[in-house]
Amino acid sequence: MIKWLVGIVIVLVVLVGGGGVVVMASPLGEKIRGGFNQEPQATEVRMEAAELGDLTRTVSAPGSIEPITMVNISSQVSAKIIALPFREGEVVKKDDVVIRLDPQDLLARMDSAEASMKSEQARLSGAEANLINARLNYERFEQLYETKDVTKSDLDAAEAQYLSAQSNKQVIEHGIEMAQASIEQVKKDLENTTIMSPIDGVITTLSAEVGETVIVGTTNNPGSVIMEIADLSEMIVKAQVDETNIAPVEEGQEVRVFINAYSDREYSGKVQKVALKRQVASDGTGVFETEILLRLDEGERLYSGLTASVEIAVESFYDVVKAPSQAVLDRRVEELPDEVKKDNPYVDTKKAYCRVVYRLIDGKSVVTPVDVGPSDLTHSVILAGLEAGEKVVSGPYRVLVDLKHGTRLREEGADDEEDAEGEADETNDGAGEQTPGDNAGEDEPGEDEPGDDETPADDSAEEDSDAMATTGGEAP
């Protein structure tokens, strides 16, 4: 019984040990053995060389497109619209009739004003006659008073009548002037029933229709505007520049304009006016309205009210070393290696952070402090610490965020070429030579592989197993 159990244990040890040797000798085993000794895998990064070139510092701001000349047409009289010769979107010339109003009420007022003036003129004739009579009566009383034929009170009464007649005549004369002024006002109102365009342009808005009664327009009453006429040949961008960026913006600076409706085109312009008073935007930020005159092609027309964004060129640099702005990072001074901080003119140990870029040397990242100048939307000027042509890590951003000095890196595409060359070499080697193990899986006729022979231990194990099955699990 004991010998039988010892035999079973020996067989199991041989089987397990042989299987382990086979596994470890296989490609899977090689991967397992290599996994214990393999170094951390290098992180793939994107590299970009610092270059010598020009850089323009810009200030960005949102804005909207508006005509440089736009007029609101309102009525100066209250009347009904009887004709609108032009519709919205049509082109009009200066002095073209764009609105006709009903003049009937004004004509009635004209008749009334003329009748009032005639009445005043008739009263003036009677007043002049009364004045002459009062003057003659006053002169007679003066002569009679000299001969003592009338008293002083009679002379004073005659003088009072004379002065009253003079005053009455003057009142009637002023009444005639008022009547004449009323006639002139009505004439002017009658002229205002025909409204003409003050400029060459396009009707951009039409707020009323024929048959509606318009009211007298006022500055604070937008409802009185009948139409808007704009000269679309000259357009401006009203940009809202943030107060933190307004200092370098000046009149005459060149501007790049991007209109959202025309994403495939870039427009140019020039700063025409910078507001002197701060305004508050809808989000509560302080802004300064900046007007930018657009340059348009001959005959080109833009819609009024389009949204846009502008880039104002406030400063230019020429023949400078520049690197991708994403590659320039802030790192804590205390986290930099001592060999980098020591005697480095671009590391201020009194400050918490410094600006750095990462270079790739011998497969590892090397932190490099730099002196950084102005930036545009994509690149930053490197004043010192980096030479043109030196490559820096420019992405991806998720790697740059936590990148440290000494991290194993590899440039995108570099390993792919090396792997392709290695695979080609292995293919050539395998085609020219065969190892003894290459034919291990092929059997020749009449020959057995060494592994196919059964050992005496295997035979005895099989016999013991059969005997246990026969006797119900007991050894003979």
Protein backbone atom coordinates (compact mmCIF):
# COMPACT_ATOMS: atom_id res chain seq x y z
CA MET A 1 0.00 0.00 0.00
CA ILE A 2 2.79 2.43 0.97
CA LYS A 3 4.79 1.61 -2.17
CA TRP A 4 1.69 2.23 -4.27
CA LEU A 5 1.12 5.69 -2.71
CA VAL A 6 4.81 6.61 -3.15
CA GLY A 7 4.53 5.67 -6.80
CA ILE A 8 1.49 7.92 -7.25
CA VAL A 9 3.30 10.93 -5.68
CA ILE A 10 6.37 10.38 -7.87
CA VAL A 11 4.22 10.28 -11.00
CA LEU A 12 2.42 13.55 -10.08
CA VAL A 13 5.71 15.34 -9.35
CA VAL A 14 7.14 14.24 -12.68
CA LEU A 15 4.03 15.32 -14.58
CA VAL A 16 3.78 18.76 -12.92
CA GLY A 17 7.51 19.39 -13.21
CA GLY A 18 7.53 18.47 -16.87
CA GLY A 19 4.54 20.72 -17.62
CA GLY A 20 6.26 23.67 -15.92
CA VAL A 21 9.39 23.13 -17.95
CA VAL A 22 7.36 23.03 -21.15
CA VAL A 23 5.47 26.24 -20.24
CA MET A 24 8.59 28.15 -19.28
CA ALA A 25 10.27 27.05 -22.50
CA SER A 26 7.35 28.32 -24.62
CA PRO A 27 6.94 31.94 -25.94
CA LEU A 28 4.47 32.57 -23.11
CA GLY A 29 7.16 31.57 -20.63
CA GLU A 30 9.64 33.92 -22.24
CA LYS A 31 7.14 36.80 -21.83
CA ILE A 32 6.61 35.83 -18.21
CA ARG A 33 10.35 35.72 -17.52
CA GLY A 34 10.85 39.04 -19.34
CA GLY A 35 8.00 40.72 -17.44
CA PHE A 36 9.87 40.43 -14.15
CA ASN A 37 12.98 42.17 -15.48
CA GLN A 38 11.31 44.67 -17.88
CA GLU A 39 11.75 48.41 -17.20
CA PRO A 40 8.70 50.74 -17.12
CA GLN A 41 7.37 51.35 -20.61
CA ALA A 42 8.28 54.72 -22.16
CA THR A 43 5.48 57.26 -22.59
CA GLU A 44 4.81 58.35 -26.16
CA VAL A 45 4.97 62.14 -26.63
CA ARG A 46 4.83 64.63 -29.44
CA MET A 47 7.96 66.67 -30.09
CA GLU A 48 8.28 70.02 -31.86
CA ALA A 49 11.38 72.06 -32.58
CA ALA A 50 11.77 75.65 -31.44
CA GLU A 51 12.02 77.85 -34.51
CA LEU A 52 13.31 81.25 -35.48
CA GLY A 53 10.56 83.49 -36.84
CA ASP A 54 8.16 86.37 -36.31
CA LEU A 55 5.42 86.60 -33.70
CA THR A 56 2.59 89.07 -33.31
CA ARG A 57 0.96 89.61 -29.95
CA THR A 58 -2.79 89.98 -30.29
CA VAL A 59 -5.77 90.96 -28.19
CA SER A 60 -8.94 88.97 -28.83
CA ALA A 61 -12.49 90.21 -28.33
CA PRO A 62 -16.05 89.38 -29.45
CA GLY A 63 -18.11 91.82 -31.45
CA SER A 64 -20.89 92.36 -33.98
CA ILE A 65 -21.05 93.68 -37.55
CA GLU A 66 -22.86 96.98 -38.08
CA PRO A 67 -23.01 99.54 -40.89
CA ILE A 68 -20.89 102.60 -40.36
CA THR A 69 -23.85 104.72 -41.55
CA MET A 70 -27.38 103.78 -40.53
CA VAL A 71 -30.43 106.04 -40.16
CA ASN A 72 -33.78 105.43 -38.52
CA ILE A 73 -36.66 106.91 -40.49
CA SER A 74 -39.46 108.29 -38.30
CA SER A 75 -42.43 110.48 -39.04
CA GLN A 76 -42.55 114.11 -37.93
CA VAL A 77 -46.33 114.20 -38.25
CA SER A 78 -49.10 111.88 -37.15
CA ALA A 79 -50.77 110.55 -40.27
CA LYS A 80 -51.77 107.40 -42.08
CA ILE A 81 -49.33 105.68 -44.45
CA ILE A 82 -50.71 105.68 -47.98
CA ALA A 83 -47.66 104.38 -49.90
CA LEU A 84 -44.39 102.48 -49.36
CA PRO A 85 -42.61 102.46 -52.73
CA PHE A 86 -39.73 100.25 -51.46
CA ARG A 87 -39.72 97.04 -49.46
CA GLU A 88 -37.22 95.63 -46.99
CA GLY A 89 -33.95 94.59 -48.64
CA GLU A 90 -34.30 96.91 -51.63
CA VAL A 91 -31.65 99.43 -52.59
CA VAL A 92 -32.55 103.12 -52.43
CA LYS A 93 -30.74 106.25 -53.55
CA LYS A 94 -30.53 109.56 -51.78
CA ASP A 95 -33.76 111.66 -52.17
CA ASP A 96 -35.82 108.64 -53.28
CA VAL A 97 -39.35 108.79 -51.83
CA VAL A 98 -39.64 105.92 -49.37
CA ILE A 99 -42.85 106.85 -47.46
CA ARG A 100 -45.99 108.82 -48.36
CA LEU A 101 -48.45 109.92 -45.65
CA ASP A 102 -52.06 111.06 -45.93
CA PRO A 103 -52.09 114.95 -46.06
CA GLN A 104 -55.86 115.54 -45.68
CA ASP A 105 -55.80 116.55 -42.00
CA LEU A 106 -52.90 118.87 -42.63
CA LEU A 107 -54.66 120.50 -45.57
CA ALA A 108 -57.62 121.23 -43.30
CA ARG A 109 -55.26 122.78 -40.78
CA MET A 110 -53.79 124.89 -43.57
CA ASP A 111 -57.23 126.25 -44.51
CA SER A 112 -57.92 127.09 -40.86
CA ALA A 113 -54.60 128.88 -40.45
CA GLU A 114 -55.13 130.94 -43.60
CA ALA A 115 -58.64 131.94 -42.47
CA SER A 116 -57.29 132.95 -39.06
CA MET A 117 -54.72 135.16 -40.71
CA LYS A 118 -57.33 136.87 -42.88
CA SER A 119 -59.42 137.53 -39.79
CA GLU A 120 -56.49 139.11 -38.02
CA GLN A 121 -55.72 141.23 -41.05
CA ALA A 122 -59.31 142.55 -41.03
CA ARG A 123 -59.08 143.38 -37.34
CA LEU A 124 -55.84 145.20 -38.03
CA SER A 125 -57.63 147.64 -40.38
CA GLY A 126 -60.17 148.54 -37.66
CA ALA A 127 -57.40 148.85 -35.07
CA GLU A 128 -55.49 151.25 -37.30
CA ALA A 129 -58.63 153.42 -37.75
CA ASN A 130 -59.24 153.50 -33.99
CA LEU A 131 -55.61 154.45 -33.42
CA ILE A 132 -55.86 157.38 -35.84
CA ASN A 133 -59.05 158.62 -34.18
CA ALA A 134 -57.54 158.31 -30.70
CA ARG A 135 -54.40 160.18 -31.78
CA LEU A 136 -56.40 163.09 -33.27
CA ASN A 137 -58.60 163.27 -30.18
CA TYR A 138 -55.56 163.38 -27.93
CA GLU A 139 -54.01 166.22 -29.99
CA ARG A 140 -57.23 168.33 -29.73
CA PHE A 141 -57.35 167.88 -25.97
CA GLU A 142 -53.77 169.07 -25.75
CA GLN A 143 -54.70 172.36 -27.54
CA LEU A 144 -57.82 172.84 -25.44
CA TYR A 145 -55.85 172.22 -22.28
CA GLU A 146 -53.44 175.00 -23.26
CA THR A 147 -56.40 177.49 -23.56
CA LYS A 148 -57.82 176.12 -20.28
CA ASP A 149 -60.96 174.90 -22.05
CA VAL A 150 -60.60 171.29 -20.70
CA THR A 151 -59.37 169.99 -17.44
CA LYS A 152 -56.26 167.91 -16.82
CA SER A 153 -58.34 164.78 -16.25
CA ASP A 154 -59.93 165.13 -19.69
CA LEU A 155 -56.48 165.33 -21.26
CA ASP A 156 -55.33 162.23 -19.36
CA ALA A 157 -58.37 160.23 -20.51
CA ALA A 158 -57.70 161.15 -24.15
CA GLU A 159 -54.07 160.07 -23.76
CA ALA A 160 -55.14 156.73 -22.27
CA GLN A 161 -57.46 156.03 -25.20
CA TYR A 162 -54.65 156.79 -27.61
CA LEU A 163 -52.23 154.40 -25.85
CA SER A 164 -54.90 151.68 -25.73
CA ALA A 165 -55.51 151.99 -29.46
CA GLN A 166 -51.74 151.63 -30.06
CA SER A 167 -51.58 148.49 -27.91
CA ASN A 168 -54.60 146.96 -29.62
CA LYS A 169 -53.02 147.50 -33.02
CA GLN A 170 -49.78 145.81 -31.86
CA VAL A 171 -51.73 142.82 -30.51
CA ILE A 172 -53.47 142.34 -33.82
CA GLU A 173 -50.15 142.63 -35.68
CA HIS A 174 -48.64 139.89 -33.49
CA GLY A 175 -51.76 137.81 -34.09
CA ILE A 176 -51.13 138.08 -37.81
CA GLU A 177 -47.53 136.96 -37.28
CA MET A 178 -48.76 133.95 -35.31
CA ALA A 179 -51.17 133.07 -38.09
CA GLN A 180 -48.39 133.31 -40.63
CA ALA A 181 -46.19 131.04 -38.44
CA SER A 182 -49.02 128.51 -38.23
CA ILE A 183 -49.32 128.51 -41.99
CA GLU A 184 -45.59 127.92 -42.33
CA GLN A 185 -45.74 125.05 -39.83
CA VAL A 186 -48.58 123.41 -41.70
CA LYS A 187 -46.70 123.82 -44.96
CA LYS A 188 -43.69 122.12 -43.37
CA ASP A 189 -45.88 119.30 -42.09
CA LEU A 190 -47.34 118.87 -45.55
CA GLU A 191 -43.81 118.53 -46.91
CA ASN A 192 -43.10 115.90 -44.22
CA THR A 193 -45.90 113.73 -45.54
CA THR A 194 -43.44 112.82 -48.28
CA ILE A 195 -40.39 111.17 -46.67
CA MET A 196 -37.21 110.75 -48.75
CA SER A 197 -34.09 108.72 -48.11
CA PRO A 198 -31.23 110.83 -46.70
CA ILE A 199 -28.50 108.41 -47.92
CA ASP A 200 -27.72 105.77 -50.51
CA GLY A 201 -28.30 102.40 -48.90
CA VAL A 202 -30.49 99.39 -48.30
CA ILE A 203 -33.72 99.18 -46.33
CA THR A 204 -32.68 96.78 -43.55
CA THR A 205 -35.86 97.05 -41.43
CA LEU A 206 -39.46 97.93 -42.26
CA SER A 207 -41.68 98.28 -39.18
CA ALA A 208 -44.97 99.55 -40.65
CA GLU A 209 -47.35 98.83 -43.50
CA VAL A 210 -49.72 100.82 -45.69
CA GLY A 211 -52.84 101.85 -43.75
CA GLU A 212 -51.15 102.13 -40.37
CA THR A 213 -51.10 105.45 -38.56
CA VAL A 214 -47.67 106.57 -37.49
CA ILE A 215 -46.94 108.81 -34.54
CA VAL A 216 -44.43 111.59 -34.14
CA GLY A 217 -41.02 110.06 -33.61
CA THR A 218 -38.91 110.74 -30.54
CA THR A 219 -35.46 109.62 -29.53
CA ASN A 220 -36.78 107.56 -26.60
CA ASN A 221 -39.65 106.01 -28.52
CA PRO A 222 -38.34 103.20 -30.73
CA GLY A 223 -41.88 102.26 -31.72
CA SER A 224 -42.05 105.36 -33.88
CA VAL A 225 -39.32 104.11 -36.24
CA ILE A 226 -40.89 103.22 -39.58
CA MET A 227 -37.78 101.84 -41.29
CA GLU A 228 -34.00 101.65 -41.11
CA ILE A 229 -31.75 102.47 -44.04
CA ALA A 230 -28.09 101.41 -43.88
CA ASP A 231 -25.10 101.90 -46.15
CA LEU A 232 -23.80 98.32 -46.33
CA SER A 233 -20.82 99.25 -48.46
CA GLU A 234 -18.93 100.35 -45.33
CA MET A 235 -19.16 98.11 -42.29
CA ILE A 236 -17.59 98.22 -38.85
CA VAL A 237 -17.10 95.71 -36.07
CA LYS A 238 -18.08 96.93 -32.64
CA ALA A 239 -15.80 94.80 -30.47
CA GLN A 240 -16.08 94.53 -26.68
CA VAL A 241 -12.46 94.55 -25.47
CA ASP A 242 -11.96 93.42 -21.88
CA GLU A 243 -10.68 96.16 -19.60
CA THR A 244 -7.62 94.06 -18.70
CA ASN A 245 -6.53 94.05 -22.37
CA ILE A 246 -7.48 97.57 -23.47
CA ALA A 247 -4.18 99.31 -22.55
CA PRO A 248 -2.17 98.38 -25.72
CA VAL A 249 -5.11 98.90 -28.13
CA GLU A 250 -4.75 102.06 -30.24
CA GLU A 251 -6.27 103.62 -33.33
CA GLY A 252 -4.71 102.48 -36.61
CA GLN A 253 -3.72 98.97 -35.48
CA GLU A 254 -4.30 96.10 -37.92
CA VAL A 255 -7.05 93.61 -37.09
CA ARG A 256 -7.99 90.11 -38.22
CA VAL A 257 -11.76 89.56 -38.23
CA PHE A 258 -13.51 86.17 -38.15
CA ILE A 259 -17.24 86.25 -38.89
CA ASN A 260 -19.13 83.22 -37.60
CA ALA A 261 -21.40 83.08 -40.66
CA TYR A 262 -18.39 82.90 -43.01
CA SER A 263 -16.10 80.41 -41.30
CA ASP A 264 -14.12 79.77 -44.50
CA ARG A 265 -12.94 83.37 -44.84
CA GLU A 266 -10.80 85.78 -42.87
CA TYR A 267 -11.40 89.54 -43.08
CA SER A 268 -9.05 92.38 -42.27
CA GLY A 269 -9.64 95.79 -40.78
CA LYS A 270 -8.19 98.66 -38.83
CA VAL A 271 -8.99 100.10 -35.41
CA GLN A 272 -10.95 103.30 -36.05
CA LYS A 273 -12.08 104.34 -32.60
CA VAL A 274 -11.55 103.29 -28.98
CA ALA A 275 -14.20 104.33 -26.47
CA LEU A 276 -12.97 106.33 -23.50
CA LYS A 277 -15.73 105.21 -21.13
CA ARG A 278 -15.94 101.78 -19.52
CA GLN A 279 -19.12 99.80 -20.08
CA VAL A 280 -20.47 96.76 -18.26
CA ALA A 281 -21.21 93.68 -20.36
CA SER A 282 -24.14 91.33 -19.77
CA ASP A 283 -21.93 88.99 -17.73
CA GLY A 284 -20.81 91.83 -15.44
CA THR A 285 -17.29 92.28 -16.85
CA GLY A 286 -15.93 95.70 -17.73
CA VAL A 287 -15.37 96.32 -21.45
CA PHE A 288 -14.43 99.14 -23.81
CA GLU A 289 -16.23 99.37 -27.14
CA THR A 290 -13.74 99.45 -30.02
CA GLU A 291 -14.82 100.24 -33.58
CA ILE A 292 -12.96 98.43 -36.37
CA LEU A 293 -13.42 99.46 -40.00
CA LEU A 294 -13.72 96.38 -42.24
CA ARG A 295 -12.05 96.10 -45.61
CA LEU A 296 -14.55 94.69 -48.12
CA ASP A 297 -14.21 93.78 -51.78
CA GLU A 298 -15.90 95.94 -54.37
CA GLY A 299 -19.62 95.17 -54.37
CA GLU A 300 -19.42 92.84 -51.36
CA ARG A 301 -22.25 93.15 -48.88
CA LEU A 302 -22.51 91.76 -45.33
CA TYR A 303 -25.56 91.34 -43.18
CA SER A 304 -26.00 93.76 -40.32
CA GLY A 305 -25.87 92.26 -36.82
CA LEU A 306 -23.60 89.27 -37.58
CA THR A 307 -21.48 88.08 -34.66
CA ALA A 308 -17.72 88.06 -35.06
CA SER A 309 -14.45 87.78 -33.18
CA VAL A 310 -11.39 89.96 -33.70
CA GLU A 311 -7.65 89.68 -33.13
CA ILE A 312 -6.05 93.10 -32.74
CA ALA A 313 -2.30 93.13 -33.47
CA VAL A 314 -0.90 95.21 -30.62
CA GLU A 315 2.81 94.25 -30.79
CA SER A 316 5.12 92.48 -33.28
CA PHE A 317 8.43 90.67 -32.79
CA TYR A 318 10.81 89.69 -35.57
CA ASP A 319 13.52 86.98 -35.79
CA VAL A 320 12.85 85.57 -32.32
CA VAL A 321 13.01 82.01 -30.98
CA LYS A 322 9.49 80.73 -30.43
CA ALA A 323 8.08 77.47 -29.10
CA PRO A 324 4.55 76.07 -28.79
CA SER A 325 2.74 77.78 -25.93
CA GLN A 326 1.47 74.40 -24.67
CA ALA A 327 5.08 73.27 -24.20
CA VAL A 328 5.78 76.12 -21.76
CA LEU A 329 4.78 75.01 -18.27
CA ASP A 330 4.85 76.31 -14.71
CA ARG A 331 6.69 74.11 -12.20
CA ARG A 332 7.35 74.61 -8.51
CA VAL A 333 10.95 75.64 -7.90
CA GLU A 334 11.27 73.29 -4.93
CA GLU A 335 10.38 70.30 -7.15
CA LEU A 336 13.20 70.95 -9.65
CA PRO A 337 16.37 68.84 -9.37
CA ASP A 338 19.27 70.49 -7.59
CA GLU A 339 21.51 70.25 -10.64
CA VAL A 340 18.93 72.23 -12.61
CA LYS A 341 18.38 74.93 -9.99
CA LYS A 342 22.03 75.47 -9.13
CA ASP A 343 23.43 78.67 -10.65
CA ASN A 344 20.61 78.77 -13.21
CA PRO A 345 19.87 82.40 -14.17
CA TYR A 346 16.31 81.50 -15.20
CA VAL A 347 15.35 80.02 -11.82
CA ASP A 348 14.46 82.54 -9.11
CA THR A 349 14.60 80.63 -5.83
CA LYS A 350 12.67 83.45 -4.16
CA LYS A 351 9.61 82.63 -6.22
CA ALA A 352 7.37 79.61 -5.94
CA TYR A 353 7.15 78.84 -9.65
CA CYS A 354 9.29 79.15 -12.77
CA ARG A 355 8.64 78.61 -16.49
CA VAL A 356 10.12 75.47 -18.03
CA VAL A 357 10.07 73.28 -21.12
CA TYR A 358 10.95 69.58 -21.38
CA ARG A 359 13.54 68.24 -23.80
CA LEU A 360 14.12 64.57 -24.68
CA ILE A 361 17.70 63.41 -24.06
CA ASP A 362 18.76 59.72 -24.04
CA GLY A 363 15.14 58.60 -23.84
CA LYS A 364 14.33 60.65 -20.74
CA SER A 365 12.71 64.02 -20.10
CA VAL A 366 15.00 66.86 -19.07
CA VAL A 367 13.41 69.91 -17.44
CA THR A 368 14.81 73.15 -18.87
CA PRO A 369 14.02 76.56 -17.27
CA VAL A 370 13.47 79.33 -19.83
CA ASP A 371 12.83 83.05 -19.95
CA VAL A 372 9.49 83.56 -21.71
CA GLY A 373 8.30 86.67 -23.54
CA PRO A 374 4.94 87.60 -25.14
CA SER A 375 2.67 85.00 -26.73
CA ASP A 376 0.11 84.73 -29.48
CA LEU A 377 -2.62 82.10 -29.74
CA THR A 378 -0.20 79.23 -30.50
CA HIS A 379 3.41 80.17 -29.74
CA SER A 380 5.46 81.97 -27.10
CA VAL A 381 8.67 83.93 -27.47
CA ILE A 382 11.61 82.25 -25.72
CA LEU A 383 13.96 85.04 -24.72
CA ALA A 384 16.63 82.73 -23.28
CA GLY A 385 17.24 79.14 -22.19
CA LEU A 386 16.41 77.46 -25.51
CA GLU A 387 18.03 77.62 -28.92
CA ALA A 388 16.35 77.44 -32.31
CA GLY A 389 16.17 73.86 -33.57
CA GLU A 390 16.05 72.22 -30.13
CA LYS A 391 13.05 69.93 -29.74
CA VAL A 392 10.66 70.24 -26.81
CA VAL A 393 7.75 68.10 -25.65
CA SER A 394 4.61 69.74 -27.04
CA GLY A 395 1.96 67.16 -26.26
CA PRO A 396 -0.30 65.48 -25.54
CA TYR A 397 -1.58 67.78 -22.82
CA ARG A 398 -2.52 64.95 -20.45
CA VAL A 399 1.17 63.95 -20.35
CA LEU A 400 2.46 67.51 -19.96
CA VAL A 401 0.27 68.19 -16.93
CA ASP A 402 2.11 65.72 -14.70
CA LEU A 403 5.40 65.35 -16.58
CA LYS A 404 8.47 65.13 -14.32
CA HIS A 405 12.21 65.29 -14.82
CA GLY A 406 13.72 61.93 -15.74
CA THR A 407 10.55 60.31 -17.07
CA ARG A 408 11.14 57.72 -19.80
CA LEU A 409 9.74 59.06 -23.09
CA ARG A 410 9.71 58.16 -26.74
CA GLU A 411 8.83 60.35 -29.69
CA GLU A 412 5.75 59.55 -31.73
CA GLY A 413 6.63 57.43 -34.79
CA ALA A 414 10.22 56.72 -33.73
CA ASP A 415 9.54 53.25 -32.24
CA ASP A 416 7.29 52.28 -35.12
CA GLU A 417 10.20 52.56 -37.55
CA GLU A 418 12.52 50.62 -35.25
CA ASP A 419 9.94 47.85 -34.76
CA ALA A 420 9.45 47.57 -38.51
CA GLU A 421 13.20 47.19 -39.05
CA GLY A 422 13.44 44.57 -36.25
CA GLU A 423 10.56 42.53 -37.70
CA ALA A 424 12.21 42.58 -41.12
CA ASP A 425 15.49 41.30 -39.62
CA GLU A 426 13.73 38.48 -37.76
CA THR A 427 11.92 37.45 -40.93
CA ASN A 428 15.17 37.25 -42.87
CA ASP A 429 16.90 35.26 -40.10
CA GLY A 430 14.05 32.77 -39.86
CA ALA A 431 14.02 32.18 -43.63
CA GLY A 432 17.72 31.33 -43.85
CA GLU A 433 18.23 29.08 -40.83
CA GLN A 434 16.35 26.39 -38.97
CA THR A 435 17.00 25.36 -35.41
CA PRO A 436 16.70 21.77 -34.22
CA GLY A 437 13.42 22.67 -32.57
CA ASP A 438 11.89 23.80 -35.86
CA ASN A 439 11.11 20.22 -36.89
CA ALA A 440 10.04 19.09 -33.44
CA GLY A 441 6.45 18.89 -34.51
CA GLU A 442 7.14 16.70 -37.59
CA ASP A 443 7.46 12.91 -37.27
CA GLU A 444 9.46 10.86 -39.74
CA PRO A 445 8.16 7.42 -40.77
CA GLY A 446 9.32 4.60 -38.56
CA GLU A 447 10.75 6.83 -35.83
CA ASP A 448 9.32 7.82 -32.47
CA GLU A 449 9.97 11.05 -30.68
CA PRO A 450 11.72 10.85 -27.35
CA GLY A 451 8.62 12.02 -25.59
CA ASP A 452 6.51 9.23 -27.06
CA ASP A 453 8.30 6.42 -25.15
CA GLU A 454 6.54 5.24 -22.03
CA THR A 455 8.63 4.67 -18.87
CA PRO A 456 8.22 1.71 -16.53
CA ALA A 457 6.91 4.08 -13.90
CA ASP A 458 4.10 5.09 -16.23
CA ASP A 459 3.20 1.42 -16.86
CA SER A 460 3.11 0.58 -13.18
CA ALA A 461 0.98 3.62 -12.45
CA GLU A 462 -1.56 2.53 -15.03
CA GLU A 463 -1.65 -1.06 -13.66
CA ASP A 464 -2.15 0.20 -10.09
CA SER A 465 -4.94 2.49 -11.24
CA ASP A 466 -6.72 -0.42 -12.95
CA ALA A 467 -6.34 -2.59 -9.88
CA MET A 468 -7.89 0.12 -7.65
CA ALA A 469 -10.82 0.42 -10.01
CA THR A 470 -11.32 -3.38 -9.88
CA THR A 471 -11.12 -3.84 -6.10
CA GLY A 472 -13.18 -0.80 -5.22
CA GLY A 473 -10.24 1.38 -4.18
CA GLU A 474 -8.08 -1.16 -2.25
CA ALA A 475 -4.61 -2.17 -3.26
CA PRO A 476 -3.92 -5.93 -3.91
